[in-house]
Protein backbone atom coordinates (compact mmCIF):
# COMPACT_ATOMS: atom_id res chain seq x y z
CA MET A 1 -8.82 -39.01 47.16
CA ASP A 2 -5.21 -38.20 47.60
CA GLU A 3 -3.82 -34.76 48.39
CA PHE A 4 -3.01 -33.84 44.76
CA GLU A 5 -6.53 -34.53 43.54
CA GLU A 6 -7.99 -32.45 46.36
CA LYS A 7 -5.75 -29.50 45.41
CA MET A 8 -6.79 -29.83 41.81
CA GLN A 9 -10.48 -29.89 42.74
CA SER A 10 -10.15 -26.83 44.98
CA MET A 11 -8.20 -24.74 42.44
CA HIS A 12 -9.80 -21.70 40.91
CA LYS A 13 -11.00 -22.39 37.39
CA PRO A 14 -10.65 -19.45 34.98
CA ASP A 15 -13.76 -18.07 33.39
CA ILE A 16 -13.31 -17.89 29.64
CA SER A 17 -15.29 -15.13 28.01
CA SER A 18 -15.37 -14.45 24.30
CA ASP A 19 -14.70 -10.73 24.86
CA SER A 20 -11.17 -11.30 26.12
CA HIS A 21 -10.40 -13.65 23.24
CA GLN A 22 -11.54 -11.13 20.67
CA LEU A 23 -8.83 -8.73 21.84
CA HIS A 24 -6.16 -11.28 20.92
CA LEU A 25 -7.68 -12.37 17.64
CA LYS A 26 -5.35 -11.63 14.74
CA ILE A 27 -7.12 -11.37 11.43
CA MET A 28 -5.09 -11.71 8.28
CA LEU A 29 -6.48 -9.04 5.99
CA LEU A 30 -5.19 -10.51 2.75
CA ASN A 31 -3.88 -13.84 1.61
CA ALA A 32 -0.08 -13.59 1.34
CA ARG A 33 0.21 -15.60 -1.88
CA ARG A 34 -2.59 -13.72 -3.63
CA SER A 35 -1.25 -10.31 -2.60
CA ALA A 36 2.22 -11.30 -3.83
CA GLY A 37 0.76 -12.22 -7.22
CA ILE A 38 -1.15 -8.95 -7.43
CA GLY A 39 1.99 -7.10 -6.35
CA VAL A 40 4.11 -8.68 -9.08
CA PHE A 41 1.51 -7.72 -11.67
CA LEU A 42 1.28 -4.12 -10.40
CA VAL A 43 5.06 -3.64 -10.20
CA LEU A 44 5.83 -5.16 -13.62
CA VAL A 45 5.09 -2.08 -15.76
CA PRO A 46 7.09 0.37 -13.59
CA CYS A 47 10.02 -2.08 -13.47
CA LEU A 48 10.04 -2.39 -17.26
CA PHE A 49 9.82 1.40 -17.60
CA LEU A 50 12.71 1.98 -15.18
CA ALA A 51 14.78 -0.76 -16.86
CA GLY A 52 14.23 0.95 -20.22
CA ILE A 53 15.25 4.32 -18.75
CA PHE A 54 18.36 2.74 -17.22
CA LEU A 55 19.35 1.03 -20.48
CA THR A 56 18.81 4.04 -22.74
CA ARG A 57 19.93 6.88 -20.48
CA PHE A 58 22.72 5.44 -18.34
CA LEU A 59 24.15 2.59 -20.41
CA ASN A 60 23.45 4.21 -23.81
CA VAL A 61 22.06 0.96 -25.17
CA PRO A 62 19.79 1.59 -28.17
CA PHE A 63 16.39 0.16 -27.38
CA PRO A 64 14.05 1.20 -30.22
CA LEU A 65 10.86 -0.25 -28.72
CA PHE A 66 11.30 1.73 -25.53
CA SER A 67 12.20 4.87 -27.46
CA THR A 68 8.96 4.56 -29.44
CA VAL A 69 6.91 4.10 -26.25
CA GLU A 70 8.68 7.03 -24.61
CA GLU A 71 7.96 9.30 -27.60
CA TRP A 72 4.30 8.23 -27.58
CA MET A 73 4.05 8.97 -23.85
CA SER A 74 5.56 12.44 -24.24
CA LYS A 75 3.19 13.59 -27.00
CA LYS A 76 1.25 16.67 -26.03
CA ASP A 77 -1.84 15.69 -28.02
CA ASN A 78 -2.55 12.49 -26.09
CA SER A 79 -6.01 12.27 -24.57
CA VAL A 80 -6.64 13.10 -20.94
CA TRP A 81 -7.17 9.43 -20.12
CA ILE A 82 -3.69 8.55 -21.35
CA LYS A 83 -2.18 11.41 -19.36
CA VAL A 84 -3.90 10.08 -16.22
CA LEU A 85 -3.35 6.38 -16.92
CA ILE A 86 0.43 6.56 -17.31
CA PRO A 87 1.17 8.14 -13.90
CA PHE A 88 -1.40 5.84 -12.31
CA LEU A 89 0.39 2.78 -13.72
CA LEU A 90 3.87 4.03 -12.85
CA VAL A 91 3.16 5.39 -9.35
CA GLY A 92 -0.25 4.02 -8.37
CA GLY A 93 0.67 0.42 -9.19
CA PRO A 94 3.61 0.22 -6.76
CA LEU A 95 1.62 2.13 -4.15
CA ILE A 96 -1.25 -0.37 -4.32
CA ALA A 97 1.22 -3.30 -4.39
CA LEU A 98 2.91 -1.91 -1.28
CA ALA A 99 -0.42 -1.58 0.53
CA PHE A 100 -1.58 -5.10 -0.41
CA ASN A 101 1.67 -6.76 0.61
CA LEU A 102 1.96 -4.86 3.88
CA LEU A 103 -1.61 -5.77 4.77
CA ALA A 104 -0.75 -9.42 4.13
CA ILE A 105 2.29 -9.55 6.41
CA LEU A 106 1.59 -6.99 9.15
CA HIS A 107 -0.65 -7.77 12.10
CA PHE A 108 -1.59 -5.29 14.81
CA GLU A 109 -2.73 -6.00 18.35
CA LEU A 110 -3.81 -3.31 20.77
CA ASN A 111 -3.31 -4.08 24.45
CA LYS A 112 -5.53 -1.52 26.14
CA ALA A 113 -4.52 -2.45 29.66
CA ALA A 114 -0.81 -1.87 29.03
CA ARG A 115 -1.47 0.85 26.42
CA GLU A 116 0.68 -0.98 23.88
CA LEU A 117 0.41 -1.53 20.17
CA ILE A 118 2.05 -4.79 19.19
CA VAL A 119 3.08 -5.11 15.55
CA THR A 120 3.87 -8.56 14.19
CA ILE A 121 5.55 -9.10 10.84
CA LYS A 122 5.10 -12.49 9.23
CA ALA A 123 8.20 -13.77 7.47
CA LYS A 124 6.68 -14.10 4.01
CA TRP A 125 9.80 -13.30 1.98
CA LEU A 126 8.08 -12.81 -1.37
CA ASN A 127 5.74 -10.23 0.15
CA ILE A 128 8.63 -8.50 1.89
CA CYS A 129 10.66 -8.38 -1.35
CA ILE A 130 7.73 -6.97 -3.33
CA SER A 131 7.14 -4.38 -0.61
CA LEU A 132 10.79 -3.33 -0.72
CA LEU A 133 10.74 -3.23 -4.53
CA SER A 134 7.60 -1.07 -4.44
CA LEU A 135 9.26 1.28 -1.95
CA PHE A 136 12.34 1.46 -4.18
CA ILE A 137 10.25 2.32 -7.25
CA LEU A 138 8.30 4.96 -5.34
CA ALA A 139 11.54 6.43 -3.99
CA ILE A 140 13.00 6.67 -7.52
CA PHE A 141 9.93 8.47 -8.85
CA PHE A 142 9.83 10.76 -5.81
CA LEU A 143 13.51 11.66 -6.13
CA TYR A 144 13.04 12.26 -9.85
CA ALA A 145 10.08 14.57 -9.17
CA VAL A 146 12.02 16.49 -6.50
CA GLY A 147 15.16 16.74 -8.64
CA GLU A 148 13.29 17.75 -11.78
CA ASN A 149 11.26 20.47 -10.08
CA ARG A 150 14.02 22.24 -8.16
């Protein structure tokens, strides 16, 4: 054998254990395409509601269908289920969409030796856009609640 082969034979071979590989395993919690579809569905109703508010309140565009829905929502004699369902659709939908889309694009890795938490964001633009839209909707409702209850 020549000198190179002897060096290669005498080199230390690393021992691969499954425990060390499990630390680096990145599990995608949700499928990005499926969570984007769910996010679009969950954000649709709040977007339509905010578009109707914008058209009728700020642009003074008469929109009779939205006015009818708004009057129905503001009735005091609606059942308890309706009073719970409407805020759940308007605030809970974007909140769930935000959670689903963030779980699809964020990956966390904990390096115990270096005491580091490594966060990786996958560049799935549809998921990122839906997450930002959900944050925007939640911010609008939050600012409305704060401004209305001052």
